[in-house]
Amino acid sequence: MLLCHRSAGRRWYPDVWDLPGGHVEEGEDPKESLVRELREELGITASEPSSPPMHEIRTATFDMQIWLIDRWTGTPVNAAPDEHDAVAWFETSDLDSLRLAHESYLSMLTAVLVT
């Protein structure tokens, strides 16, 4: 699982491991946003997902749709050092020791990695 570490100085969710991705721009489809954000944050090119999101998180302040991306072109790098101070790959056994951005990530990521 590829995760991005949010810089300690970030206003929202500082100093935690998070999924790559970001905000949907006005008039932008969430799938288009995902492709754009992966290009901006990781320097990779992914196709728009053809399936529905694998998970959704809704709070009073945001709605997040999460897709599993398992094919892309390019090599993931930290292309947004102003947002993240690290990008790293993790195995299931690593996840328990990480400070994750959202409490539901651990069970969701574990389920994805064991299938």
PDB file of N, CA and C in Angstrom:
ATOM      1  N   MET A   1       0.862  -1.161   0.000  1.00  0.00           N
ATOM      2  CA  MET A   1       0.000   0.000   0.000  1.00  0.00           C
ATOM      3  C   MET A   1       0.909   1.224   0.000  1.00  0.00           C
ATOM      4  N   LEU A   2       0.656   2.136  -0.925  1.00  0.00           N
ATOM      5  CA  LEU A   2       1.431   3.371  -1.004  1.00  0.00           C
ATOM      6  C   LEU A   2       0.695   4.457  -0.226  1.00  0.00           C
ATOM      7  N   LEU A   3       1.379   5.037   0.744  1.00  0.00           N
ATOM      8  CA  LEU A   3       0.809   6.107   1.554  1.00  0.00           C
ATOM      9  C   LEU A   3       1.721   7.321   1.533  1.00  0.00           C
ATOM     10  N   CYS A   4       1.131   8.467   1.808  1.00  0.00           N
ATOM     11  CA  CYS A   4       1.867   9.730   1.866  1.00  0.00           C
ATOM     12  C   CYS A   4       1.836  10.245   3.304  1.00  0.00           C
ATOM     13  N   HIS A   5       2.983  10.713   3.792  1.00  0.00           N
ATOM     14  CA  HIS A   5       3.033  11.278   5.141  1.00  0.00           C
ATOM     15  C   HIS A   5       2.806  12.784   5.036  1.00  0.00           C
ATOM     16  N   ARG A   6       1.732  13.248   5.661  1.00  0.00           N
ATOM     17  CA  ARG A   6       1.387  14.662   5.634  1.00  0.00           C
ATOM     18  C   ARG A   6       2.365  15.429   6.525  1.00  0.00           C
ATOM     19  N   SER A   7       2.912  16.490   6.002  1.00  0.00           N
ATOM     20  CA  SER A   7       3.890  17.299   6.733  1.00  0.00           C
ATOM     21  C   SER A   7       3.315  17.787   8.057  1.00  0.00           C
ATOM     22  N   ALA A   8       4.175  17.913   9.050  1.00  0.00           N
ATOM     23  CA  ALA A   8       3.754  18.330  10.393  1.00  0.00           C
ATOM     24  C   ALA A   8       3.133  19.721  10.404  1.00  0.00           C
ATOM     25  N   GLY A   9       3.484  20.566   9.452  1.00  0.00           N
ATOM     26  CA  GLY A   9       2.956  21.928   9.405  1.00  0.00           C
ATOM     27  C   GLY A   9       1.623  22.072   8.690  1.00  0.00           C
ATOM     28  N   ARG A  10       1.060  20.975   8.203  1.00  0.00           N
ATOM     29  CA  ARG A  10      -0.219  21.044   7.487  1.00  0.00           C
ATOM     30  C   ARG A  10      -1.337  21.447   8.432  1.00  0.00           C
ATOM     31  N   ARG A  11      -2.253  22.261   7.937  1.00  0.00           N
ATOM     32  CA  ARG A  11      -3.381  22.718   8.759  1.00  0.00           C
ATOM     33  C   ARG A  11      -4.327  21.571   9.107  1.00  0.00           C
ATOM     34  N   TRP A  12      -4.636  20.729   8.121  1.00  0.00           N
ATOM     35  CA  TRP A  12      -5.557  19.615   8.314  1.00  0.00           C
ATOM     36  C   TRP A  12      -4.760  18.321   8.379  1.00  0.00           C
ATOM     37  N   TYR A  13      -5.002  17.535   9.380  1.00  0.00           N
ATOM     38  CA  TYR A  13      -4.387  16.219   9.557  1.00  0.00           C
ATOM     39  C   TYR A  13      -2.857  16.251   9.421  1.00  0.00           C
ATOM     40  N   PRO A  14      -2.192  17.034  10.262  1.00  0.00           N
ATOM     41  CA  PRO A  14      -0.727  17.080  10.184  1.00  0.00           C
ATOM     42  C   PRO A  14      -0.084  15.822  10.767  1.00  0.00           C
ATOM     43  N   ASP A  15       1.091  15.485  10.260  1.00  0.00           N
ATOM     44  CA  ASP A  15       1.951  14.433  10.816  1.00  0.00           C
ATOM     45  C   ASP A  15       1.265  13.067  10.887  1.00  0.00           C
ATOM     46  N   VAL A  16       0.516  12.705   9.860  1.00  0.00           N
ATOM     47  CA  VAL A  16      -0.126  11.388   9.779  1.00  0.00           C
ATOM     48  C   VAL A  16       0.086  10.812   8.380  1.00  0.00           C
ATOM     49  N   TRP A  17      -0.055   9.506   8.273  1.00  0.00           N
ATOM     50  CA  TRP A  17      -0.003   8.835   6.979  1.00  0.00           C
ATOM     51  C   TRP A  17      -1.395   8.849   6.370  1.00  0.00           C
ATOM     52  N   ASP A  18      -1.460   9.203   5.093  1.00  0.00           N
ATOM     53  CA  ASP A  18      -2.745   9.372   4.425  1.00  0.00           C
ATOM     54  C   ASP A  18      -2.673   8.776   3.028  1.00  0.00           C
ATOM     55  N   LEU A  19      -3.822   8.624   2.438  1.00  0.00           N
ATOM     56  CA  LEU A  19      -3.918   8.177   1.050  1.00  0.00           C
ATOM     57  C   LEU A  19      -3.602   9.337   0.127  1.00  0.00           C
ATOM     58  N   PRO A  20      -2.967   9.080  -1.003  1.00  0.00           N
ATOM     59  CA  PRO A  20      -2.788  10.169  -1.961  1.00  0.00           C
ATOM     60  C   PRO A  20      -4.136  10.586  -2.532  1.00  0.00           C
ATOM     61  N   GLY A  21      -4.248  11.811  -2.908  1.00  0.00           N
ATOM     62  CA  GLY A  21      -5.505  12.327  -3.451  1.00  0.00           C
ATOM     63  C   GLY A  21      -5.781  13.685  -2.854  1.00  0.00           C
ATOM     64  N   GLY A  22      -6.913  14.247  -3.188  1.00  0.00           N
ATOM     65  CA  GLY A  22      -7.181  15.580  -2.660  1.00  0.00           C
ATOM     66  C   GLY A  22      -8.563  16.062  -2.993  1.00  0.00           C
ATOM     67  N   HIS A  23      -8.646  17.355  -3.132  1.00  0.00           N
ATOM     68  CA  HIS A  23      -9.930  18.020  -3.317  1.00  0.00           C
ATOM     69  C   HIS A  23     -10.439  17.942  -4.747  1.00  0.00           C
ATOM     70  N   VAL A  24     -11.733  17.812  -4.860  1.00  0.00           N
ATOM     71  CA  VAL A  24     -12.395  17.863  -6.156  1.00  0.00           C
ATOM     72  C   VAL A  24     -12.643  19.331  -6.478  1.00  0.00           C
ATOM     73  N   GLU A  25     -12.136  19.771  -7.613  1.00  0.00           N
ATOM     74  CA  GLU A  25     -12.329  21.158  -8.046  1.00  0.00           C
ATOM     75  C   GLU A  25     -13.771  21.362  -8.500  1.00  0.00           C
ATOM     76  N   GLU A  26     -14.229  22.582  -8.449  1.00  0.00           N
ATOM     77  CA  GLU A  26     -15.596  22.881  -8.891  1.00  0.00           C
ATOM     78  C   GLU A  26     -15.776  22.461 -10.341  1.00  0.00           C
ATOM     79  N   GLY A  27     -16.847  21.724 -10.603  1.00  0.00           N
ATOM     80  CA  GLY A  27     -17.148  21.253 -11.954  1.00  0.00           C
ATOM     81  C   GLY A  27     -16.388  20.000 -12.346  1.00  0.00           C
ATOM     82  N   GLU A  28     -15.558  19.469 -11.467  1.00  0.00           N
ATOM     83  CA  GLU A  28     -14.739  18.301 -11.764  1.00  0.00           C
ATOM     84  C   GLU A  28     -15.422  17.040 -11.230  1.00  0.00           C
ATOM     85  N   ASP A  29     -15.398  15.984 -12.011  1.00  0.00           N
ATOM     86  CA  ASP A  29     -15.903  14.693 -11.567  1.00  0.00           C
ATOM     87  C   ASP A  29     -14.892  14.103 -10.578  1.00  0.00           C
ATOM     88  N   PRO A  30     -15.353  13.432  -9.515  1.00  0.00           N
ATOM     89  CA  PRO A  30     -14.419  12.857  -8.548  1.00  0.00           C
ATOM     90  C   PRO A  30     -13.387  11.909  -9.169  1.00  0.00           C
ATOM     91  N   LYS A  31     -13.768  11.163 -10.189  1.00  0.00           N
ATOM     92  CA  LYS A  31     -12.813  10.264 -10.845  1.00  0.00           C
ATOM     93  C   LYS A  31     -11.741  11.055 -11.591  1.00  0.00           C
ATOM     94  N   GLU A  32     -12.141  12.149 -12.230  1.00  0.00           N
ATOM     95  CA  GLU A  32     -11.170  13.028 -12.898  1.00  0.00           C
ATOM     96  C   GLU A  32     -10.233  13.641 -11.869  1.00  0.00           C
ATOM     97  N   SER A  33     -10.796  14.019 -10.730  1.00  0.00           N
ATOM     98  CA  SER A  33      -9.997  14.593  -9.654  1.00  0.00           C
ATOM     99  C   SER A  33      -8.933  13.607  -9.180  1.00  0.00           C
ATOM    100  N   LEU A  34      -9.316  12.357  -9.022  1.00  0.00           N
ATOM    101  CA  LEU A  34      -8.366  11.338  -8.586  1.00  0.00           C
ATOM    102  C   LEU A  34      -7.183  11.244  -9.550  1.00  0.00           C
ATOM    103  N   VAL A  35      -7.467  11.173 -10.834  1.00  0.00           N
ATOM    104  CA  VAL A  35      -6.410  11.081 -11.845  1.00  0.00           C
ATOM    105  C   VAL A  35      -5.493  12.310 -11.768  1.00  0.00           C
ATOM    106  N   ARG A  36      -6.085  13.499 -11.659  1.00  0.00           N
ATOM    107  CA  ARG A  36      -5.296  14.743 -11.566  1.00  0.00           C
ATOM    108  C   ARG A  36      -4.448  14.756 -10.304  1.00  0.00           C
ATOM    109  N   GLU A  37      -5.056  14.408  -9.164  1.00  0.00           N
ATOM    110  CA  GLU A  37      -4.339  14.441  -7.891  1.00  0.00           C
ATOM    111  C   GLU A  37      -3.185  13.436  -7.859  1.00  0.00           C
ATOM    112  N   LEU A  38      -3.375  12.250  -8.424  1.00  0.00           N
ATOM    113  CA  LEU A  38      -2.287  11.275  -8.469  1.00  0.00           C
ATOM    114  C   LEU A  38      -1.128  11.780  -9.329  1.00  0.00           C
ATOM    115  N   ARG A  39      -1.453  12.474 -10.402  1.00  0.00           N
ATOM    116  CA  ARG A  39      -0.414  13.073 -11.244  1.00  0.00           C
ATOM    117  C   ARG A  39       0.321  14.165 -10.472  1.00  0.00           C
ATOM    118  N   GLU A  40      -0.428  15.041  -9.792  1.00  0.00           N
ATOM    119  CA  GLU A  40       0.169  16.151  -9.065  1.00  0.00           C
ATOM    120  C   GLU A  40       0.976  15.697  -7.847  1.00  0.00           C
ATOM    121  N   GLU A  41       0.465  14.713  -7.107  1.00  0.00           N
ATOM    122  CA  GLU A  41       1.108  14.310  -5.857  1.00  0.00           C
ATOM    123  C   GLU A  41       2.168  13.227  -6.023  1.00  0.00           C
ATOM    124  N   LEU A  42       1.969  12.326  -6.995  1.00  0.00           N
ATOM    125  CA  LEU A  42       2.883  11.191  -7.152  1.00  0.00           C
ATOM    126  C   LEU A  42       3.600  11.154  -8.491  1.00  0.00           C
ATOM    127  N   GLY A  43       3.202  12.009  -9.434  1.00  0.00           N
ATOM    128  CA  GLY A  43       3.842  12.021 -10.742  1.00  0.00           C
ATOM    129  C   GLY A  43       3.519  10.804 -11.585  1.00  0.00           C
ATOM    130  N   ILE A  44       2.395  10.160 -11.327  1.00  0.00           N
ATOM    131  CA  ILE A  44       2.003   8.976 -12.103  1.00  0.00           C
ATOM    132  C   ILE A  44       0.759   9.275 -12.929  1.00  0.00           C
ATOM    133  N   THR A  45       0.531   8.443 -13.931  1.00  0.00           N
ATOM    134  CA  THR A  45      -0.666   8.558 -14.749  1.00  0.00           C
ATOM    135  C   THR A  45      -1.517   7.317 -14.543  1.00  0.00           C
ATOM    136  N   ALA A  46      -2.714   7.524 -14.041  1.00  0.00           N
ATOM    137  CA  ALA A  46      -3.664   6.433 -13.825  1.00  0.00           C
ATOM    138  C   ALA A  46      -4.896   6.698 -14.678  1.00  0.00           C
ATOM    139  N   SER A  47      -5.565   5.650 -15.061  1.00  0.00           N
ATOM    140  CA  SER A  47      -6.838   5.795 -15.767  1.00  0.00           C
ATOM    141  C   SER A  47      -7.932   6.053 -14.745  1.00  0.00           C
ATOM    142  N   GLU A  48      -9.014   6.677 -15.195  1.00  0.00           N
ATOM    143  CA  GLU A  48     -10.158   6.856 -14.314  1.00  0.00           C
ATOM    144  C   GLU A  48     -10.683   5.488 -13.913  1.00  0.00           C
ATOM    145  N   PRO A  49     -11.017   5.311 -12.634  1.00  0.00           N
ATOM    146  CA  PRO A  49     -11.565   4.017 -12.204  1.00  0.00           C
ATOM    147  C   PRO A  49     -12.899   3.736 -12.888  1.00  0.00           C
ATOM    148  N   SER A  50     -13.109   2.471 -13.247  1.00  0.00           N
ATOM    149  CA  SER A  50     -14.365   2.092 -13.902  1.00  0.00           C
ATOM    150  C   SER A  50     -15.377   1.550 -12.897  1.00  0.00           C
ATOM    151  N   SER A  51     -14.913   1.242 -11.695  1.00  0.00           N
ATOM    152  CA  SER A  51     -15.811   0.708 -10.669  1.00  0.00           C
ATOM    153  C   SER A  51     -16.173   1.801  -9.664  1.00  0.00           C
ATOM    154  N   PRO A  52     -17.165   1.545  -8.836  1.00  0.00           N
ATOM    155  CA  PRO A  52     -17.508   2.524  -7.796  1.00  0.00           C
ATOM    156  C   PRO A  52     -16.414   2.562  -6.730  1.00  0.00           C
ATOM    157  N   PRO A  53     -16.415   3.581  -5.877  1.00  0.00           N
ATOM    158  CA  PRO A  53     -15.412   3.641  -4.808  1.00  0.00           C
ATOM    159  C   PRO A  53     -15.488   2.395  -3.928  1.00  0.00           C
ATOM    160  N   MET A  54     -14.342   1.965  -3.429  1.00  0.00           N
ATOM    161  CA  MET A  54     -14.305   0.802  -2.544  1.00  0.00           C
ATOM    162  C   MET A  54     -14.694   1.172  -1.115  1.00  0.00           C
ATOM    163  N   HIS A  55     -14.655   2.464  -0.809  1.00  0.00           N
ATOM    164  CA  HIS A  55     -14.967   2.927   0.545  1.00  0.00           C
ATOM    165  C   HIS A  55     -15.313   4.411   0.458  1.00  0.00           C
ATOM    166  N   GLU A  56     -16.176   4.845   1.346  1.00  0.00           N
ATOM    167  CA  GLU A  56     -16.506   6.269   1.429  1.00  0.00           C
ATOM    168  C   GLU A  56     -16.511   6.681   2.886  1.00  0.00           C
ATOM    169  N   ILE A  57     -15.996   7.883   3.135  1.00  0.00           N
ATOM    170  CA  ILE A  57     -15.991   8.458   4.474  1.00  0.00           C
ATOM    171  C   ILE A  57     -16.730   9.783   4.389  1.00  0.00           C
ATOM    172  N   ARG A  58     -17.745   9.920   5.218  1.00  0.00           N
ATOM    173  CA  ARG A  58     -18.519  11.162   5.243  1.00  0.00           C
ATOM    174  C   ARG A  58     -18.489  11.721   6.661  1.00  0.00           C
ATOM    175  N   THR A  59     -18.120  12.989   6.763  1.00  0.00           N
ATOM    176  CA  THR A  59     -18.138  13.680   8.055  1.00  0.00           C
ATOM    177  C   THR A  59     -18.876  14.998   7.867  1.00  0.00           C
ATOM    178  N   ALA A  60     -18.956  15.775   8.912  1.00  0.00           N
ATOM    179  CA  ALA A  60     -19.606  17.080   8.821  1.00  0.00           C
ATOM    180  C   ALA A  60     -18.813  18.044   7.939  1.00  0.00           C
ATOM    181  N   THR A  61     -17.513  17.789   7.773  1.00  0.00           N
ATOM    182  CA  THR A  61     -16.670  18.730   7.026  1.00  0.00           C
ATOM    183  C   THR A  61     -16.192  18.236   5.667  1.00  0.00           C
ATOM    184  N   PHE A  62     -16.309  16.929   5.387  1.00  0.00           N
ATOM    185  CA  PHE A  62     -15.880  16.457   4.069  1.00  0.00           C
ATOM    186  C   PHE A  62     -16.525  15.123   3.718  1.00  0.00           C
ATOM    187  N   ASP A  63     -16.548  14.846   2.421  1.00  0.00           N
ATOM    188  CA  ASP A  63     -16.946  13.550   1.867  1.00  0.00           C
ATOM    189  C   ASP A  63     -15.753  13.028   1.088  1.00  0.00           C
ATOM    190  N   MET A  64     -15.329  11.800   1.381  1.00  0.00           N
ATOM    191  CA  MET A  64     -14.180  11.233   0.694  1.00  0.00           C
ATOM    192  C   MET A  64     -14.577   9.916   0.050  1.00  0.00           C
ATOM    193  N   GLN A  65     -14.234   9.785  -1.226  1.00  0.00           N
ATOM    194  CA  GLN A  65     -14.421   8.536  -1.949  1.00  0.00           C
ATOM    195  C   GLN A  65     -13.040   7.931  -2.156  1.00  0.00           C
ATOM    196  N   ILE A  66     -12.924   6.619  -1.901  1.00  0.00           N
ATOM    197  CA  ILE A  66     -11.629   5.950  -1.983  1.00  0.00           C
ATOM    198  C   ILE A  66     -11.712   4.828  -3.010  1.00  0.00           C
ATOM    199  N   TRP A  67     -10.807   4.879  -3.979  1.00  0.00           N
ATOM    200  CA  TRP A  67     -10.720   3.850  -5.010  1.00  0.00           C
ATOM    201  C   TRP A  67      -9.417   3.083  -4.863  1.00  0.00           C
ATOM    202  N   LEU A  68      -9.436   1.830  -5.273  1.00  0.00           N
ATOM    203  CA  LEU A  68      -8.228   1.030  -5.348  1.00  0.00           C
ATOM    204  C   LEU A  68      -7.652   1.207  -6.749  1.00  0.00           C
ATOM    205  N   ILE A  69      -6.437   1.696  -6.815  1.00  0.00           N
ATOM    206  CA  ILE A  69      -5.737   1.862  -8.092  1.00  0.00           C
ATOM    207  C   ILE A  69      -4.599   0.860  -8.103  1.00  0.00           C
ATOM    208  N   ASP A  70      -4.642  -0.081  -9.030  1.00  0.00           N
ATOM    209  CA  ASP A  70      -3.597  -1.103  -9.057  1.00  0.00           C
ATOM    210  C   ASP A  70      -2.795  -1.106 -10.363  1.00  0.00           C
ATOM    211  N   ARG A  71      -3.080  -0.142 -11.238  1.00  0.00           N
ATOM    212  CA  ARG A  71      -2.314   0.000 -12.488  1.00  0.00           C
ATOM    213  C   ARG A  71      -2.111   1.470 -12.781  1.00  0.00           C
ATOM    214  N   TRP A  72      -0.896   1.817 -13.186  1.00  0.00           N
ATOM    215  CA  TRP A  72      -0.556   3.190 -13.546  1.00  0.00           C
ATOM    216  C   TRP A  72       0.722   3.162 -14.363  1.00  0.00           C
ATOM    217  N   THR A  73       1.053   4.282 -14.944  1.00  0.00           N
ATOM    218  CA  THR A  73       2.342   4.406 -15.610  1.00  0.00           C
ATOM    219  C   THR A  73       3.158   5.443 -14.856  1.00  0.00           C
ATOM    220  N   GLY A  74       4.461   5.221 -14.859  1.00  0.00           N
ATOM    221  CA  GLY A  74       5.368   6.093 -14.130  1.00  0.00           C
ATOM    222  C   GLY A  74       5.750   5.460 -12.801  1.00  0.00           C
ATOM    223  N   THR A  75       6.715   6.080 -12.154  1.00  0.00           N
ATOM    224  CA  THR A  75       7.191   5.631 -10.850  1.00  0.00           C
ATOM    225  C   THR A  75       6.740   6.628  -9.803  1.00  0.00           C
ATOM    226  N   PRO A  76       5.997   6.183  -8.787  1.00  0.00           N
ATOM    227  CA  PRO A  76       5.536   7.124  -7.760  1.00  0.00           C
ATOM    228  C   PRO A  76       6.700   7.791  -7.023  1.00  0.00           C
ATOM    229  N   VAL A  77       6.615   9.103  -6.929  1.00  0.00           N
ATOM    230  CA  VAL A  77       7.593   9.915  -6.197  1.00  0.00           C
ATOM    231  C   VAL A  77       6.817  10.966  -5.400  1.00  0.00           C
ATOM    232  N   ASN A  78       7.486  11.625  -4.503  1.00  0.00           N
ATOM    233  CA  ASN A  78       6.851  12.715  -3.766  1.00  0.00           C
ATOM    234  C   ASN A  78       6.905  13.970  -4.638  1.00  0.00           C
ATOM    235  N   ALA A  79       5.905  14.117  -5.487  1.00  0.00           N
ATOM    236  CA  ALA A  79       5.846  15.253  -6.406  1.00  0.00           C
ATOM    237  C   ALA A  79       5.212  16.486  -5.762  1.00  0.00           C
ATOM    238  N   ALA A  80       4.800  16.381  -4.506  1.00  0.00           N
ATOM    239  CA  ALA A  80       4.177  17.505  -3.791  1.00  0.00           C
ATOM    240  C   ALA A  80       4.839  17.673  -2.417  1.00  0.00           C
ATOM    241  N   PRO A  81       6.130  18.029  -2.395  1.00  0.00           N
ATOM    242  CA  PRO A  81       6.838  18.126  -1.109  1.00  0.00           C
ATOM    243  C   PRO A  81       6.298  19.217  -0.186  1.00  0.00           C
ATOM    244  N   ASP A  82       5.494  20.125  -0.716  1.00  0.00           N
ATOM    245  CA  ASP A  82       4.861  21.130   0.136  1.00  0.00           C
ATOM    246  C   ASP A  82       3.701  20.520   0.935  1.00  0.00           C
ATOM    247  N   GLU A  83       3.192  19.358   0.505  1.00  0.00           N
ATOM    248  CA  GLU A  83       2.093  18.682   1.196  1.00  0.00           C
ATOM    249  C   GLU A  83       2.555  17.480   2.010  1.00  0.00           C
ATOM    250  N   HIS A  84       3.530  16.732   1.461  1.00  0.00           N
ATOM    251  CA  HIS A  84       3.995  15.499   2.095  1.00  0.00           C
ATOM    252  C   HIS A  84       5.501  15.566   2.296  1.00  0.00           C
ATOM    253  N   ASP A  85       5.965  15.004   3.412  1.00  0.00           N
ATOM    254  CA  ASP A  85       7.412  14.929   3.603  1.00  0.00           C
ATOM    255  C   ASP A  85       7.958  13.535   3.324  1.00  0.00           C
ATOM    256  N   ALA A  86       7.069  12.584   2.981  1.00  0.00           N
ATOM    257  CA  ALA A  86       7.501  11.231   2.622  1.00  0.00           C
ATOM    258  C   ALA A  86       6.385  10.512   1.877  1.00  0.00           C
ATOM    259  N   VAL A  87       6.792   9.587   1.030  1.00  0.00           N
ATOM    260  CA  VAL A  87       5.892   8.666   0.341  1.00  0.00           C
ATOM    261  C   VAL A  87       6.543   7.299   0.498  1.00  0.00           C
ATOM    262  N   ALA A  88       5.756   6.306   0.950  1.00  0.00           N
ATOM    263  CA  ALA A  88       6.356   4.989   1.194  1.00  0.00           C
ATOM    264  C   ALA A  88       5.353   3.864   0.973  1.00  0.00           C
ATOM    265  N   TRP A  89       5.920   2.682   0.665  1.00  0.00           N
ATOM    266  CA  TRP A  89       5.135   1.464   0.512  1.00  0.00           C
ATOM    267  C   TRP A  89       5.088   0.731   1.844  1.00  0.00           C
ATOM    268  N   PHE A  90       3.925   0.137   2.164  1.00  0.00           N
ATOM    269  CA  PHE A  90       3.757  -0.583   3.424  1.00  0.00           C
ATOM    270  C   PHE A  90       3.089  -1.923   3.191  1.00  0.00           C
ATOM    271  N   GLU A  91       3.460  -2.885   4.025  1.00  0.00           N
ATOM    272  CA  GLU A  91       2.819  -4.201   4.083  1.00  0.00           C
ATOM    273  C   GLU A  91       1.748  -4.148   5.174  1.00  0.00           C
ATOM    274  N   THR A  92       0.881  -5.139   5.200  1.00  0.00           N
ATOM    275  CA  THR A  92      -0.163  -5.218   6.222  1.00  0.00           C
ATOM    276  C   THR A  92       0.423  -5.125   7.624  1.00  0.00           C
ATOM    277  N   SER A  93       1.529  -5.817   7.860  1.00  0.00           N
ATOM    278  CA  SER A  93       2.136  -5.852   9.195  1.00  0.00           C
ATOM    279  C   SER A  93       2.655  -4.495   9.649  1.00  0.00           C
ATOM    280  N   ASP A  94       2.854  -3.554   8.730  1.00  0.00           N
ATOM    281  CA  ASP A  94       3.361  -2.223   9.079  1.00  0.00           C
ATOM    282  C   ASP A  94       2.259  -1.287   9.566  1.00  0.00           C
ATOM    283  N   LEU A  95       1.028  -1.544   9.183  1.00  0.00           N
ATOM    284  CA  LEU A  95      -0.039  -0.567   9.378  1.00  0.00           C
ATOM    285  C   LEU A  95      -0.362  -0.269  10.837  1.00  0.00           C
ATOM    286  N   ASP A  96      -0.261  -1.266  11.709  1.00  0.00           N
ATOM    287  CA  ASP A  96      -0.577  -1.056  13.124  1.00  0.00           C
ATOM    288  C   ASP A  96       0.306   0.005  13.779  1.00  0.00           C
ATOM    289  N   SER A  97       1.512   0.156  13.280  1.00  0.00           N
ATOM    290  CA  SER A  97       2.453   1.082  13.921  1.00  0.00           C
ATOM    291  C   SER A  97       2.377   2.502  13.356  1.00  0.00           C
ATOM    292  N   LEU A  98       1.526   2.725  12.380  1.00  0.00           N
ATOM    293  CA  LEU A  98       1.435   4.038  11.749  1.00  0.00           C
ATOM    294  C   LEU A  98       0.342   4.893  12.368  1.00  0.00           C
ATOM    295  N   ARG A  99       0.588   6.195  12.426  1.00  0.00           N
ATOM    296  CA  ARG A  99      -0.485   7.142  12.752  1.00  0.00           C
ATOM    297  C   ARG A  99      -1.186   7.450  11.432  1.00  0.00           C
ATOM    298  N   LEU A 100      -2.398   6.915  11.276  1.00  0.00           N
ATOM    299  CA  LEU A 100      -3.150   7.083  10.036  1.00  0.00           C
ATOM    300  C   LEU A 100      -4.103   8.261  10.153  1.00  0.00           C
ATOM    301  N   ALA A 101      -4.420   8.864   9.016  1.00  0.00           N
ATOM    302  CA  ALA A 101      -5.240  10.073   8.988  1.00  0.00           C
ATOM    303  C   ALA A 101      -6.676   9.840   9.441  1.00  0.00           C
ATOM    304  N   HIS A 102      -7.183   8.640   9.272  1.00  0.00           N
ATOM    305  CA  HIS A 102      -8.566   8.385   9.657  1.00  0.00           C
ATOM    306  C   HIS A 102      -8.666   7.021  10.319  1.00  0.00           C
ATOM    307  N   GLU A 103      -9.493   6.935  11.338  1.00  0.00           N
ATOM    308  CA  GLU A 103      -9.622   5.693  12.118  1.00  0.00           C
ATOM    309  C   GLU A 103     -10.090   4.502  11.292  1.00  0.00           C
ATOM    310  N   SER A 104     -10.827   4.718  10.214  1.00  0.00           N
ATOM    311  CA  SER A 104     -11.321   3.603   9.408  1.00  0.00           C
ATOM    312  C   SER A 104     -10.261   3.055   8.448  1.00  0.00           C
ATOM    313  N   TYR A 105      -9.146   3.752   8.280  1.00  0.00           N
ATOM    314  CA  TYR A 105      -8.124   3.299   7.331  1.00  0.00           C
ATOM    315  C   TYR A 105      -7.556   1.928   7.681  1.00  0.00           C
ATOM    316  N   LEU A 106      -7.279   1.676   8.946  1.00  0.00           N
ATOM    317  CA  LEU A 106      -6.614   0.427   9.318  1.00  0.00           C
ATOM    318  C   LEU A 106      -7.411  -0.787   8.849  1.00  0.00           C
ATOM    319  N   SER A 107      -8.683  -0.856   9.170  1.00  0.00           N
ATOM    320  CA  SER A 107      -9.479  -2.021   8.760  1.00  0.00           C
ATOM    321  C   SER A 107      -9.664  -2.058   7.245  1.00  0.00           C
ATOM    322  N   MET A 108      -9.865  -0.900   6.624  1.00  0.00           N
ATOM    323  CA  MET A 108     -10.054  -0.850   5.183  1.00  0.00           C
ATOM    324  C   MET A 108      -8.788  -1.305   4.447  1.00  0.00           C
ATOM    325  N   LEU A 109      -7.639  -0.767   4.821  1.00  0.00           N
ATOM    326  CA  LEU A 109      -6.383  -1.116   4.145  1.00  0.00           C
ATOM    327  C   LEU A 109      -6.015  -2.573   4.399  1.00  0.00           C
ATOM    328  N   THR A 110      -6.220  -3.045   5.608  1.00  0.00           N
ATOM    329  CA  THR A 110      -5.932  -4.439   5.921  1.00  0.00           C
ATOM    330  C   THR A 110      -6.787  -5.364   5.065  1.00  0.00           C
ATOM    331  N   ALA A 111      -8.062  -5.043   4.917  1.00  0.00           N
ATOM    332  CA  ALA A 111      -8.951  -5.868   4.099  1.00  0.00           C
ATOM    333  C   ALA A 111      -8.492  -5.892   2.633  1.00  0.00           C
ATOM    334  N   VAL A 112      -8.035  -4.768   2.125  1.00  0.00           N
ATOM    335  CA  VAL A 112      -7.579  -4.704   0.735  1.00  0.00           C
ATOM    336  C   VAL A 112      -6.314  -5.531   0.552  1.00  0.00           C
ATOM    337  N   LEU A 113      -5.402  -5.452   1.500  1.00  0.00           N
ATOM    338  CA  LEU A 113      -4.121  -6.140   1.350  1.00  0.00           C
ATOM    339  C   LEU A 113      -4.216  -7.643   1.517  1.00  0.00           C
ATOM    340  N   VAL A 114      -5.226  -8.145   2.212  1.00  0.00           N
ATOM    341  CA  VAL A 114      -5.322  -9.601   2.395  1.00  0.00           C
ATOM    342  C   VAL A 114      -6.124 -10.282   1.298  1.00  0.00           C
ATOM    343  N   THR A 115      -6.770  -9.509   0.421  1.00  0.00           N
ATOM    344  CA  THR A 115      -7.540 -10.136  -0.665  1.00  0.00           C
ATOM    345  C   THR A 115      -6.687 -10.375  -1.873  1.00  0.00           C
TER     346      THR A 115
END
